[in-house]
Structure formats: C-alpha cells, structure tokens
C-alpha cells in the first residue's frame, strides 16, 4: 500500500509545504474580496489555493473560521491604531488617529482587503459577528485602555464610528464631494471631533 493510500484522505502528508496554510489564507482573502462572505465557499477557496477542500477544513475548520483567520491577517495594519494614540501628546491624539486610519484607506495595498472585510460584514450577519468580535477584542478595547476616563469604551467606540463612517462615505459609497476631497482637508476637519470623543468633557 502506498503512503498516499495509507494516510487518511484529506490529511496533509508530513512533507506538506509549510506555505500551504499561508496559501489557503491568501486564497481566502482573494475569494472573500471578490465574492463577499455569502458567495464564497470552502471549495472555491480550495480551488484558488490549489488544494483539496479537506485541507482547508484541516487547517481552519468552518468557513467562518477561515474568514476570521483571513481578516485578522488583512486587518493587521489597523490593529496598530492603539500605538498611534500612545505615540505623542494627548492633545494631538485625534489627529494622529484620524491620520492613521485614513492612511490605511488611502493606501491601495491596505484598502482592498479592508474594503472586502467591510463589504462582507455589511452583507452577512455571520461575517459581521466575526468582524465585531475582532474589532471589540483587538482594537477598541486596546484603544479604550489608553483613555483615562470612566466611559473609555464608549469614547473609543464613538471615535471609531466617526472614522469608520467617514471611510464608508468616502471609499465605499463614494459620496461627493467627500470622495474627491483632499485627505488633509478631511483630517483637519475630522480630527477635532475624534479628539473630543476621546478626551473631551
């Protein structure tokens, strides 16, 4: 009996490339970006990655778990936002955070995966739940931890809502004149509002 026959169907052989997991994640991001959560399937991800669907299940489990792993990698740049708060004086935190978040959207390399995440979250409740969990545990709580106020979590959420709302109108819905406005002009107008949410009375 050959080694391929002896091993359980769908399980990776011992010599399986260390890059298989990363290839599946890259394929998942590509599929979710192109099709959204609802129309993406584990079989489609496997086809794009060039692997058996059983390998996708082996490494990640369900489609929801694949989505969570894929967006965590894609959303990694945004998770550096708490550092933007800590790096400088408190009275400039609104501008630093606005500049950081809008900078992610301005860069095509980081905008595409974040846009795919947002679109999937808007279209599907399962995807939205995964996105909420990631945002709450890895971003908003870390931002709130740096805000010295009893209602720190609410302040962090309001600041995020301001920036996410601005990003949605500018980059997703593309409402004019916001969509074509100079990003520095937007930062100048949004930053004081974000500052107020985080440090105001």
N, C-alpha and C. Protein backbone atom coordinates (compact mmCIF):
# COMPACT_ATOMS: atom_id res chain seq x y z
N UNK A 1 0.85 -1.19 0.00
CA UNK A 1 0.00 0.00 0.00
C UNK A 1 0.88 1.24 0.00
N UNK A 2 0.59 2.20 -0.86
CA UNK A 2 1.42 3.40 -0.96
C UNK A 2 1.19 4.32 0.22
N UNK A 3 2.14 5.25 0.43
CA UNK A 3 2.00 6.22 1.52
C UNK A 3 0.75 7.06 1.34
N UNK A 4 0.48 7.43 0.06
CA UNK A 4 -0.69 8.28 -0.21
C UNK A 4 -1.98 7.55 0.14
N UNK A 5 -1.98 6.21 -0.10
CA UNK A 5 -3.18 5.44 0.23
C UNK A 5 -3.30 5.22 1.72
N UNK A 6 -2.11 5.03 2.35
CA UNK A 6 -2.12 4.72 3.78
C UNK A 6 -2.61 5.88 4.62
N UNK A 7 -2.23 7.09 4.24
CA UNK A 7 -2.66 8.22 5.09
C UNK A 7 -4.13 8.53 4.87
N UNK A 8 -4.75 9.08 5.88
CA UNK A 8 -6.17 9.41 5.80
C UNK A 8 -6.43 10.44 4.73
N UNK A 9 -7.49 10.25 3.98
CA UNK A 9 -7.83 11.16 2.90
C UNK A 9 -8.02 12.58 3.42
N UNK A 10 -7.38 13.52 2.73
CA UNK A 10 -7.56 14.93 3.09
C UNK A 10 -6.58 15.43 4.12
N UNK A 11 -5.88 14.53 4.82
CA UNK A 11 -4.91 14.99 5.81
C UNK A 11 -3.59 15.34 5.13
N UNK A 12 -2.91 16.38 5.56
CA UNK A 12 -1.66 16.74 4.90
C UNK A 12 -0.56 15.74 5.20
N UNK A 13 0.25 15.35 4.21
CA UNK A 13 1.37 14.47 4.47
C UNK A 13 2.40 15.18 5.32
N UNK A 14 3.31 14.41 5.91
CA UNK A 14 4.31 15.01 6.78
C UNK A 14 5.19 16.00 6.04
N UNK A 15 5.33 15.77 4.73
CA UNK A 15 6.18 16.67 3.94
C UNK A 15 5.41 17.84 3.34
N UNK A 16 4.15 18.02 3.77
CA UNK A 16 3.32 19.12 3.25
C UNK A 16 4.06 20.45 3.42
N UNK A 17 4.05 21.26 2.38
CA UNK A 17 4.74 22.54 2.39
C UNK A 17 4.27 23.40 3.56
N UNK A 18 5.25 24.05 4.21
CA UNK A 18 4.92 24.94 5.32
C UNK A 18 4.11 26.14 4.83
N UNK A 19 4.15 26.38 3.51
CA UNK A 19 3.42 27.52 2.97
C UNK A 19 1.98 27.23 2.62
N UNK A 20 1.52 25.99 2.84
CA UNK A 20 0.15 25.63 2.47
C UNK A 20 -0.87 26.47 3.22
N UNK A 21 -0.68 26.64 4.51
CA UNK A 21 -1.62 27.42 5.31
C UNK A 21 -1.68 28.86 4.81
N UNK A 22 -0.52 29.43 4.53
CA UNK A 22 -0.48 30.81 4.04
C UNK A 22 -1.13 30.92 2.66
N UNK A 23 -0.94 29.89 1.84
CA UNK A 23 -1.55 29.89 0.50
C UNK A 23 -3.07 29.85 0.61
N UNK A 24 -3.57 29.07 1.55
CA UNK A 24 -5.02 28.98 1.77
C UNK A 24 -5.55 30.33 2.25
N UNK A 25 -4.81 30.97 3.17
CA UNK A 25 -5.23 32.28 3.68
C UNK A 25 -5.26 33.32 2.56
N UNK A 26 -4.23 33.31 1.72
CA UNK A 26 -4.18 34.26 0.60
C UNK A 26 -5.35 34.02 -0.35
N UNK A 27 -5.65 32.76 -0.61
CA UNK A 27 -6.78 32.41 -1.48
C UNK A 27 -8.10 32.84 -0.85
N UNK A 28 -8.21 32.67 0.47
CA UNK A 28 -9.43 33.05 1.17
C UNK A 28 -9.64 34.56 1.08
N UNK A 29 -8.59 35.34 1.28
CA UNK A 29 -8.71 36.79 1.19
C UNK A 29 -9.13 37.20 -0.23
N UNK A 30 -8.56 36.54 -1.21
CA UNK A 30 -8.89 36.82 -2.61
C UNK A 30 -10.36 36.51 -2.90
N UNK A 31 -10.82 35.35 -2.42
CA UNK A 31 -12.20 34.94 -2.67
C UNK A 31 -13.20 35.83 -1.93
N UNK A 32 -12.93 36.11 -0.66
CA UNK A 32 -13.84 36.97 0.11
C UNK A 32 -13.87 38.38 -0.48
N UNK A 33 -12.73 38.85 -0.97
CA UNK A 33 -12.66 40.18 -1.57
C UNK A 33 -13.47 40.24 -2.86
N UNK A 34 -13.37 39.19 -3.67
CA UNK A 34 -14.04 39.18 -4.98
C UNK A 34 -15.52 38.85 -4.88
N UNK A 35 -15.89 37.96 -3.94
CA UNK A 35 -17.25 37.44 -3.90
C UNK A 35 -18.06 37.83 -2.66
N UNK A 36 -17.38 38.32 -1.62
CA UNK A 36 -18.09 38.56 -0.37
C UNK A 36 -18.26 37.26 0.40
N UNK A 37 -18.68 37.37 1.65
CA UNK A 37 -18.79 36.18 2.51
C UNK A 37 -19.83 35.20 1.99
N UNK A 38 -20.99 35.72 1.62
CA UNK A 38 -22.13 34.88 1.25
C UNK A 38 -21.81 33.95 0.07
N UNK A 39 -21.12 34.47 -0.94
CA UNK A 39 -20.90 33.70 -2.17
C UNK A 39 -19.57 32.94 -2.17
N UNK A 40 -18.79 33.10 -1.11
CA UNK A 40 -17.53 32.36 -1.03
C UNK A 40 -17.77 31.00 -0.39
N UNK A 41 -17.14 29.99 -0.94
CA UNK A 41 -17.27 28.63 -0.40
C UNK A 41 -15.90 28.07 -0.06
N UNK A 42 -15.86 27.09 0.84
CA UNK A 42 -14.61 26.41 1.17
C UNK A 42 -14.05 25.75 -0.08
N UNK A 43 -14.93 25.17 -0.90
CA UNK A 43 -14.49 24.53 -2.14
C UNK A 43 -13.82 25.56 -3.08
N UNK A 44 -14.41 26.77 -3.16
CA UNK A 44 -13.83 27.82 -4.01
C UNK A 44 -12.48 28.27 -3.50
N UNK A 45 -12.36 28.39 -2.17
CA UNK A 45 -11.07 28.78 -1.57
C UNK A 45 -10.03 27.71 -1.88
N UNK A 46 -10.42 26.44 -1.73
CA UNK A 46 -9.50 25.34 -2.00
C UNK A 46 -9.05 25.34 -3.46
N UNK A 47 -9.98 25.58 -4.36
CA UNK A 47 -9.64 25.61 -5.79
C UNK A 47 -8.64 26.71 -6.10
N UNK A 48 -8.88 27.91 -5.54
CA UNK A 48 -7.97 29.02 -5.76
C UNK A 48 -6.59 28.74 -5.17
N UNK A 49 -6.56 28.05 -4.02
CA UNK A 49 -5.29 27.72 -3.36
C UNK A 49 -4.60 26.51 -3.98
N UNK A 50 -5.35 25.75 -4.81
CA UNK A 50 -4.78 24.56 -5.42
C UNK A 50 -4.63 23.40 -4.46
N UNK A 51 -5.58 23.28 -3.51
CA UNK A 51 -5.53 22.19 -2.53
C UNK A 51 -6.88 21.50 -2.45
N UNK A 52 -6.91 20.36 -1.78
CA UNK A 52 -8.15 19.65 -1.53
C UNK A 52 -8.97 20.43 -0.48
N UNK A 53 -10.29 20.51 -0.64
CA UNK A 53 -11.12 21.20 0.37
C UNK A 53 -10.91 20.68 1.78
N UNK A 54 -10.58 19.39 1.90
CA UNK A 54 -10.35 18.82 3.23
C UNK A 54 -9.18 19.49 3.95
N UNK A 55 -8.21 19.99 3.17
CA UNK A 55 -7.08 20.69 3.78
C UNK A 55 -7.51 22.02 4.38
N UNK A 56 -8.44 22.68 3.74
CA UNK A 56 -8.96 23.94 4.29
C UNK A 56 -9.61 23.67 5.64
N UNK A 57 -10.42 22.61 5.70
CA UNK A 57 -11.06 22.23 6.97
C UNK A 57 -10.01 21.81 8.00
N UNK A 58 -8.99 21.11 7.54
CA UNK A 58 -7.94 20.65 8.46
C UNK A 58 -7.25 21.82 9.15
N UNK A 59 -6.88 22.82 8.37
CA UNK A 59 -6.14 23.96 8.93
C UNK A 59 -7.02 24.95 9.67
N UNK A 60 -8.27 25.14 9.22
CA UNK A 60 -9.08 26.22 9.77
C UNK A 60 -10.44 25.81 10.32
N UNK A 61 -11.01 24.72 9.85
CA UNK A 61 -12.34 24.33 10.31
C UNK A 61 -13.42 24.83 9.36
N UNK A 62 -14.37 25.61 9.89
CA UNK A 62 -15.51 26.07 9.11
C UNK A 62 -15.18 27.30 8.27
N UNK A 63 -16.09 27.66 7.38
CA UNK A 63 -15.91 28.87 6.57
C UNK A 63 -15.79 30.09 7.47
N UNK A 64 -16.56 30.14 8.54
CA UNK A 64 -16.49 31.26 9.49
C UNK A 64 -15.08 31.38 10.07
N UNK A 65 -14.48 30.25 10.41
CA UNK A 65 -13.13 30.27 10.99
C UNK A 65 -12.09 30.67 9.96
N UNK A 66 -12.29 30.26 8.71
CA UNK A 66 -11.39 30.69 7.64
C UNK A 66 -11.49 32.21 7.47
N UNK A 67 -12.71 32.72 7.48
CA UNK A 67 -12.93 34.16 7.33
C UNK A 67 -12.25 34.93 8.47
N UNK A 68 -12.42 34.44 9.68
CA UNK A 68 -11.82 35.12 10.83
C UNK A 68 -10.30 35.16 10.71
N UNK A 69 -9.70 34.03 10.34
CA UNK A 69 -8.24 33.99 10.18
C UNK A 69 -7.78 34.90 9.05
N UNK A 70 -8.53 34.90 7.96
CA UNK A 70 -8.16 35.72 6.80
C UNK A 70 -8.25 37.21 7.11
N UNK A 71 -9.32 37.63 7.79
CA UNK A 71 -9.46 39.06 8.05
C UNK A 71 -8.52 39.54 9.15
N UNK A 72 -8.16 38.63 10.06
CA UNK A 72 -7.22 39.03 11.11
C UNK A 72 -5.88 39.42 10.48
N UNK A 73 -5.44 38.67 9.49
CA UNK A 73 -4.20 38.99 8.79
C UNK A 73 -4.37 40.28 7.98
N UNK A 74 -5.49 40.37 7.25
CA UNK A 74 -5.73 41.53 6.40
C UNK A 74 -5.93 42.80 7.22
N UNK A 75 -6.50 42.65 8.42
CA UNK A 75 -6.82 43.79 9.26
C UNK A 75 -5.65 44.19 10.17
N UNK A 76 -4.55 43.43 10.09
CA UNK A 76 -3.42 43.65 10.98
C UNK A 76 -2.92 45.11 11.01
N UNK A 77 -2.82 45.80 9.85
CA UNK A 77 -2.35 47.20 9.91
C UNK A 77 -3.23 48.08 10.80
N UNK A 78 -4.55 47.85 10.76
CA UNK A 78 -5.46 48.67 11.56
C UNK A 78 -5.29 48.40 13.05
N UNK A 79 -4.79 47.21 13.40
CA UNK A 79 -4.62 46.88 14.80
C UNK A 79 -3.47 47.63 15.45
N UNK A 80 -2.71 48.37 14.64
CA UNK A 80 -1.63 49.19 15.18
C UNK A 80 -2.15 50.55 15.65
N UNK A 81 -3.45 50.79 15.50
CA UNK A 81 -4.03 52.09 15.88
C UNK A 81 -3.76 52.48 17.33
N UNK A 82 -3.84 51.55 18.30
CA UNK A 82 -3.56 51.97 19.67
C UNK A 82 -2.19 52.62 19.83
N UNK A 83 -1.24 52.18 19.02
CA UNK A 83 0.09 52.80 19.06
C UNK A 83 0.06 54.24 18.62
N UNK A 84 -0.85 54.56 17.72
CA UNK A 84 -0.98 55.94 17.25
C UNK A 84 -1.43 56.86 18.38
N UNK A 85 -2.19 56.31 19.31
CA UNK A 85 -2.64 57.10 20.46
C UNK A 85 -1.50 57.35 21.43
N UNK A 86 -0.70 56.32 21.65
CA UNK A 86 0.35 56.42 22.67
C UNK A 86 1.55 57.23 22.21
N UNK A 87 1.74 57.33 20.91
CA UNK A 87 2.95 57.95 20.36
C UNK A 87 2.80 59.46 20.21
N UNK A 88 2.82 60.16 21.33
CA UNK A 88 2.75 61.62 21.26
C UNK A 88 1.87 62.20 22.35
N UNK A 89 1.76 63.53 22.40
CA UNK A 89 0.98 64.19 23.44
C UNK A 89 -0.52 63.92 23.30
N UNK A 90 -1.21 63.96 24.41
CA UNK A 90 -2.64 63.64 24.45
C UNK A 90 -3.47 64.62 23.62
N UNK A 91 -3.04 65.88 23.55
CA UNK A 91 -3.85 66.86 22.83
C UNK A 91 -3.77 66.71 21.31
N UNK A 92 -2.95 65.79 20.83
CA UNK A 92 -2.87 65.56 19.39
C UNK A 92 -3.35 64.19 18.97
N UNK A 93 -4.00 63.48 19.91
CA UNK A 93 -4.38 62.11 19.65
C UNK A 93 -5.45 62.00 18.55
N UNK A 94 -6.35 62.98 18.47
CA UNK A 94 -7.39 62.95 17.45
C UNK A 94 -6.82 63.00 16.05
N UNK A 95 -5.84 63.88 15.86
CA UNK A 95 -5.22 63.99 14.53
C UNK A 95 -4.41 62.74 14.20
N UNK A 96 -3.66 62.21 15.18
CA UNK A 96 -2.84 61.02 14.93
C UNK A 96 -3.71 59.82 14.55
N UNK A 97 -4.82 59.66 15.27
CA UNK A 97 -5.68 58.52 14.98
C UNK A 97 -6.39 58.68 13.64
N UNK A 98 -6.87 59.88 13.35
CA UNK A 98 -7.53 60.15 12.07
C UNK A 98 -6.56 59.94 10.91
N UNK A 99 -5.34 60.43 11.08
CA UNK A 99 -4.33 60.29 10.04
C UNK A 99 -3.98 58.82 9.83
N UNK A 100 -3.88 58.08 10.91
CA UNK A 100 -3.53 56.66 10.83
C UNK A 100 -4.63 55.87 10.11
N UNK A 101 -5.88 56.03 10.56
CA UNK A 101 -6.99 55.25 9.99
C UNK A 101 -7.22 55.62 8.52
N UNK A 102 -7.27 56.91 8.21
CA UNK A 102 -7.48 57.32 6.83
C UNK A 102 -6.29 56.94 5.95
N UNK A 103 -5.11 56.87 6.55
CA UNK A 103 -3.93 56.43 5.81
C UNK A 103 -4.05 55.00 5.33
N UNK A 104 -4.68 54.14 6.14
CA UNK A 104 -4.91 52.75 5.74
C UNK A 104 -5.83 52.71 4.52
N UNK A 105 -6.88 53.55 4.54
CA UNK A 105 -7.82 53.58 3.42
C UNK A 105 -7.22 54.24 2.18
N UNK A 106 -6.31 55.18 2.36
CA UNK A 106 -5.70 55.87 1.23
C UNK A 106 -4.73 54.96 0.47
N UNK A 107 -4.12 54.02 1.17
CA UNK A 107 -3.14 53.13 0.55
C UNK A 107 -3.86 51.97 -0.15
N UNK A 108 -3.76 51.85 -1.48
CA UNK A 108 -4.47 50.79 -2.20
C UNK A 108 -4.14 49.39 -1.69
N UNK A 109 -2.91 49.18 -1.23
CA UNK A 109 -2.49 47.85 -0.76
C UNK A 109 -3.23 47.44 0.50
N UNK A 110 -3.51 48.39 1.38
CA UNK A 110 -4.24 48.06 2.62
C UNK A 110 -5.74 48.30 2.47
N UNK A 111 -6.13 49.19 1.53
CA UNK A 111 -7.55 49.47 1.35
C UNK A 111 -8.33 48.27 0.82
N UNK A 112 -7.78 47.55 -0.15
CA UNK A 112 -8.50 46.45 -0.79
C UNK A 112 -8.95 45.36 0.20
N UNK A 113 -8.05 44.84 1.05
CA UNK A 113 -8.52 43.81 1.98
C UNK A 113 -9.49 44.34 3.03
N UNK A 114 -9.28 45.58 3.50
CA UNK A 114 -10.20 46.15 4.49
C UNK A 114 -11.57 46.37 3.86
N UNK A 115 -11.59 46.81 2.62
CA UNK A 115 -12.84 47.01 1.90
C UNK A 115 -13.60 45.69 1.76
N UNK A 116 -12.87 44.62 1.48
CA UNK A 116 -13.50 43.29 1.37
C UNK A 116 -14.12 42.87 2.69
N UNK A 117 -13.42 43.16 3.79
CA UNK A 117 -13.93 42.81 5.12
C UNK A 117 -15.22 43.56 5.40
N UNK A 118 -15.20 44.87 5.15
CA UNK A 118 -16.37 45.71 5.42
C UNK A 118 -17.56 45.27 4.57
N UNK A 119 -17.33 45.00 3.30
CA UNK A 119 -18.42 44.57 2.43
C UNK A 119 -19.01 43.25 2.89
N UNK A 120 -18.16 42.31 3.30
CA UNK A 120 -18.65 41.02 3.79
C UNK A 120 -19.46 41.21 5.06
N UNK A 121 -18.99 42.08 5.95
CA UNK A 121 -19.68 42.31 7.22
C UNK A 121 -21.04 42.97 7.02
N UNK A 122 -21.13 43.83 6.01
CA UNK A 122 -22.40 44.50 5.71
C UNK A 122 -23.41 43.52 5.10
N UNK A 123 -22.91 42.57 4.30
CA UNK A 123 -23.78 41.65 3.57
C UNK A 123 -24.24 40.44 4.37
N UNK A 124 -23.49 40.06 5.41
CA UNK A 124 -23.78 38.79 6.07
C UNK A 124 -23.61 38.92 7.58
N UNK A 125 -24.59 38.42 8.34
CA UNK A 125 -24.57 38.56 9.80
C UNK A 125 -23.45 37.74 10.42
N UNK A 126 -23.17 36.56 9.87
CA UNK A 126 -22.07 35.75 10.40
C UNK A 126 -20.75 36.49 10.25
N UNK A 127 -20.52 37.05 9.07
CA UNK A 127 -19.30 37.83 8.83
C UNK A 127 -19.27 39.06 9.73
N UNK A 128 -20.42 39.69 9.93
CA UNK A 128 -20.50 40.87 10.81
C UNK A 128 -20.13 40.50 12.24
N UNK A 129 -20.59 39.33 12.71
CA UNK A 129 -20.30 38.89 14.07
C UNK A 129 -18.80 38.65 14.25
N UNK A 130 -18.18 38.05 13.25
CA UNK A 130 -16.73 37.81 13.31
C UNK A 130 -15.99 39.15 13.34
N UNK A 131 -16.42 40.08 12.49
CA UNK A 131 -15.80 41.40 12.42
C UNK A 131 -15.95 42.15 13.75
N UNK A 132 -17.16 42.09 14.33
CA UNK A 132 -17.40 42.76 15.63
C UNK A 132 -16.48 42.19 16.71
N UNK A 133 -16.35 40.87 16.71
CA UNK A 133 -15.52 40.21 17.71
C UNK A 133 -14.07 40.68 17.59
N UNK A 134 -13.59 40.74 16.36
CA UNK A 134 -12.21 41.17 16.12
C UNK A 134 -12.02 42.63 16.52
N UNK A 135 -12.93 43.48 16.09
CA UNK A 135 -12.85 44.92 16.40
C UNK A 135 -12.89 45.15 17.91
N UNK A 136 -13.83 44.46 18.58
CA UNK A 136 -14.01 44.68 20.02
C UNK A 136 -12.80 44.19 20.81
N UNK A 137 -12.34 42.97 20.52
CA UNK A 137 -11.29 42.38 21.34
C UNK A 137 -9.90 42.91 21.02
N UNK A 138 -9.63 43.20 19.77
CA UNK A 138 -8.26 43.54 19.39
C UNK A 138 -8.02 45.02 19.10
N UNK A 139 -9.08 45.78 18.93
CA UNK A 139 -8.87 47.19 18.60
C UNK A 139 -9.48 48.13 19.63
N UNK A 140 -10.82 48.09 19.75
CA UNK A 140 -11.49 49.08 20.60
C UNK A 140 -11.09 48.97 22.07
N UNK A 141 -10.95 47.76 22.58
CA UNK A 141 -10.56 47.61 23.99
C UNK A 141 -9.15 48.12 24.24
N UNK A 142 -8.28 47.93 23.24
CA UNK A 142 -6.91 48.41 23.39
C UNK A 142 -6.85 49.93 23.32
N UNK A 143 -7.69 50.52 22.47
CA UNK A 143 -7.77 51.98 22.41
C UNK A 143 -8.34 52.52 23.72
N UNK A 144 -9.42 51.88 24.19
CA UNK A 144 -10.07 52.32 25.43
C UNK A 144 -9.13 52.25 26.62
N UNK A 145 -8.24 51.27 26.62
CA UNK A 145 -7.30 51.10 27.73
C UNK A 145 -6.36 52.29 27.87
N UNK A 146 -6.21 53.06 26.80
CA UNK A 146 -5.33 54.22 26.85
C UNK A 146 -6.08 55.53 27.10
N UNK A 147 -7.40 55.44 27.25
CA UNK A 147 -8.21 56.63 27.51
C UNK A 147 -8.50 56.70 29.01
N UNK A 148 -8.08 57.77 29.64
CA UNK A 148 -8.24 57.92 31.09
C UNK A 148 -9.59 58.56 31.40
N UNK A 149 -10.65 57.75 31.33
CA UNK A 149 -12.00 58.23 31.61
C UNK A 149 -12.87 57.03 31.98
N UNK A 150 -13.90 57.25 32.82
CA UNK A 150 -14.76 56.13 33.22
C UNK A 150 -15.56 55.53 32.08
N UNK A 151 -15.83 56.32 31.05
CA UNK A 151 -16.59 55.81 29.90
C UNK A 151 -15.67 55.60 28.70
N UNK A 152 -14.49 55.05 28.97
CA UNK A 152 -13.45 54.92 27.94
C UNK A 152 -13.91 54.08 26.75
N UNK A 153 -14.64 52.99 27.00
CA UNK A 153 -15.07 52.13 25.89
C UNK A 153 -16.04 52.86 24.96
N UNK A 154 -16.97 53.61 25.56
CA UNK A 154 -17.91 54.38 24.74
C UNK A 154 -17.17 55.44 23.94
N UNK A 155 -16.21 56.11 24.56
CA UNK A 155 -15.42 57.12 23.86
C UNK A 155 -14.67 56.51 22.67
N UNK A 156 -14.05 55.35 22.89
CA UNK A 156 -13.32 54.68 21.81
C UNK A 156 -14.26 54.29 20.67
N UNK A 157 -15.45 53.81 21.02
CA UNK A 157 -16.42 53.41 20.01
C UNK A 157 -16.94 54.60 19.21
N UNK A 158 -17.17 55.73 19.89
CA UNK A 158 -17.63 56.93 19.19
C UNK A 158 -16.55 57.47 18.24
N UNK A 159 -15.29 57.43 18.69
CA UNK A 159 -14.19 57.87 17.83
C UNK A 159 -14.09 56.96 16.60
N UNK A 160 -14.22 55.65 16.84
CA UNK A 160 -14.17 54.69 15.73
C UNK A 160 -15.34 54.90 14.78
N UNK A 161 -16.53 55.15 15.33
CA UNK A 161 -17.71 55.37 14.50
C UNK A 161 -17.52 56.57 13.59
N UNK A 162 -16.92 57.62 14.13
CA UNK A 162 -16.65 58.83 13.34
C UNK A 162 -15.75 58.51 12.14
N UNK A 163 -14.69 57.76 12.40
CA UNK A 163 -13.72 57.46 11.35
C UNK A 163 -14.23 56.41 10.37
N UNK A 164 -14.92 55.39 10.88
CA UNK A 164 -15.47 54.36 10.00
C UNK A 164 -16.56 54.94 9.11
N UNK A 165 -17.41 55.80 9.69
CA UNK A 165 -18.46 56.45 8.92
C UNK A 165 -17.88 57.31 7.80
N UNK A 166 -16.83 58.03 8.12
CA UNK A 166 -16.16 58.87 7.12
C UNK A 166 -15.57 57.99 6.01
N UNK A 167 -14.93 56.89 6.41
CA UNK A 167 -14.32 55.98 5.44
C UNK A 167 -15.38 55.33 4.55
N UNK A 168 -16.51 54.95 5.14
CA UNK A 168 -17.58 54.32 4.36
C UNK A 168 -18.09 55.28 3.28
N UNK A 169 -18.35 56.53 3.66
CA UNK A 169 -18.88 57.50 2.70
C UNK A 169 -17.85 57.85 1.62
N UNK A 170 -16.58 57.92 2.02
CA UNK A 170 -15.53 58.33 1.07
C UNK A 170 -15.09 57.18 0.15
N UNK A 171 -14.85 55.99 0.73
CA UNK A 171 -14.22 54.92 -0.04
C UNK A 171 -15.16 53.82 -0.50
N UNK A 172 -16.28 53.64 0.18
CA UNK A 172 -17.20 52.55 -0.18
C UNK A 172 -18.37 53.09 -1.00
N UNK A 173 -19.11 54.06 -0.43
CA UNK A 173 -20.27 54.63 -1.11
C UNK A 173 -19.84 55.71 -2.10
N UNK A 174 -18.70 56.34 -1.81
CA UNK A 174 -18.10 57.37 -2.67
C UNK A 174 -19.04 58.56 -2.90
N UNK A 175 -19.47 59.13 -1.79
CA UNK A 175 -20.33 60.31 -1.83
C UNK A 175 -19.48 61.56 -2.10
N UNK A 176 -19.90 62.35 -3.06
CA UNK A 176 -19.20 63.60 -3.37
C UNK A 176 -19.82 64.76 -2.60
N UNK A 177 -19.02 65.74 -2.19
CA UNK A 177 -17.61 65.96 -2.55
C UNK A 177 -16.60 65.25 -1.63
N UNK A 178 -17.09 64.51 -0.63
CA UNK A 178 -16.18 63.85 0.31
C UNK A 178 -15.23 62.89 -0.41
N UNK A 179 -15.73 62.15 -1.39
CA UNK A 179 -14.90 61.14 -2.07
C UNK A 179 -13.71 61.75 -2.79
N UNK A 180 -13.85 62.99 -3.25
CA UNK A 180 -12.77 63.62 -4.02
C UNK A 180 -11.99 64.66 -3.22
N UNK A 181 -12.41 64.92 -2.00
CA UNK A 181 -11.74 65.95 -1.20
C UNK A 181 -10.31 65.53 -0.85
N UNK A 182 -9.44 66.51 -0.67
CA UNK A 182 -8.07 66.23 -0.27
C UNK A 182 -8.07 65.60 1.12
N UNK A 183 -7.30 64.53 1.31
CA UNK A 183 -7.32 63.81 2.58
C UNK A 183 -6.86 64.69 3.74
N UNK A 184 -5.96 65.63 3.48
CA UNK A 184 -5.50 66.53 4.54
C UNK A 184 -6.63 67.42 5.03
N UNK A 185 -7.49 67.83 4.11
CA UNK A 185 -8.65 68.65 4.48
C UNK A 185 -9.60 67.83 5.36
N UNK A 186 -9.79 66.57 5.01
CA UNK A 186 -10.67 65.70 5.80
C UNK A 186 -10.11 65.49 7.20
N UNK A 187 -8.80 65.21 7.26
CA UNK A 187 -8.16 65.01 8.57
C UNK A 187 -8.32 66.25 9.44
N UNK A 188 -8.11 67.41 8.85
CA UNK A 188 -8.20 68.67 9.59
C UNK A 188 -9.59 68.88 10.19
N UNK A 189 -10.63 68.41 9.49
CA UNK A 189 -12.00 68.61 9.97
C UNK A 189 -12.46 67.51 10.91
N UNK A 190 -11.98 66.30 10.68
CA UNK A 190 -12.44 65.15 11.49
C UNK A 190 -11.67 65.05 12.80
N UNK A 191 -10.38 65.39 12.77
CA UNK A 191 -9.51 65.21 13.94
C UNK A 191 -10.05 65.86 15.22
N UNK A 192 -10.55 67.11 15.17
CA UNK A 192 -11.07 67.71 16.41
C UNK A 192 -12.27 66.95 16.98
N UNK A 193 -13.09 66.37 16.11
CA UNK A 193 -14.25 65.60 16.57
C UNK A 193 -13.79 64.32 17.26
N UNK A 194 -12.81 63.64 16.66
CA UNK A 194 -12.24 62.42 17.25
C UNK A 194 -11.57 62.76 18.58
N UNK A 195 -10.86 63.89 18.61
CA UNK A 195 -10.21 64.35 19.84
C UNK A 195 -11.26 64.57 20.94
N UNK A 196 -12.36 65.19 20.56
CA UNK A 196 -13.43 65.45 21.54
C UNK A 196 -14.01 64.18 22.11
N UNK A 197 -14.20 63.16 21.25
CA UNK A 197 -14.73 61.89 21.73
C UNK A 197 -13.79 61.25 22.74
N UNK A 198 -12.51 61.32 22.46
CA UNK A 198 -11.54 60.61 23.30
C UNK A 198 -11.14 61.35 24.58
N UNK A 199 -11.04 62.66 24.51
CA UNK A 199 -10.52 63.40 25.67
C UNK A 199 -11.42 64.53 26.15
N UNK A 200 -12.51 64.79 25.43
CA UNK A 200 -13.39 65.91 25.81
C UNK A 200 -14.13 65.66 27.11
N UNK A 201 -14.84 66.68 27.59
CA UNK A 201 -15.60 66.53 28.85
C UNK A 201 -16.78 65.57 28.70
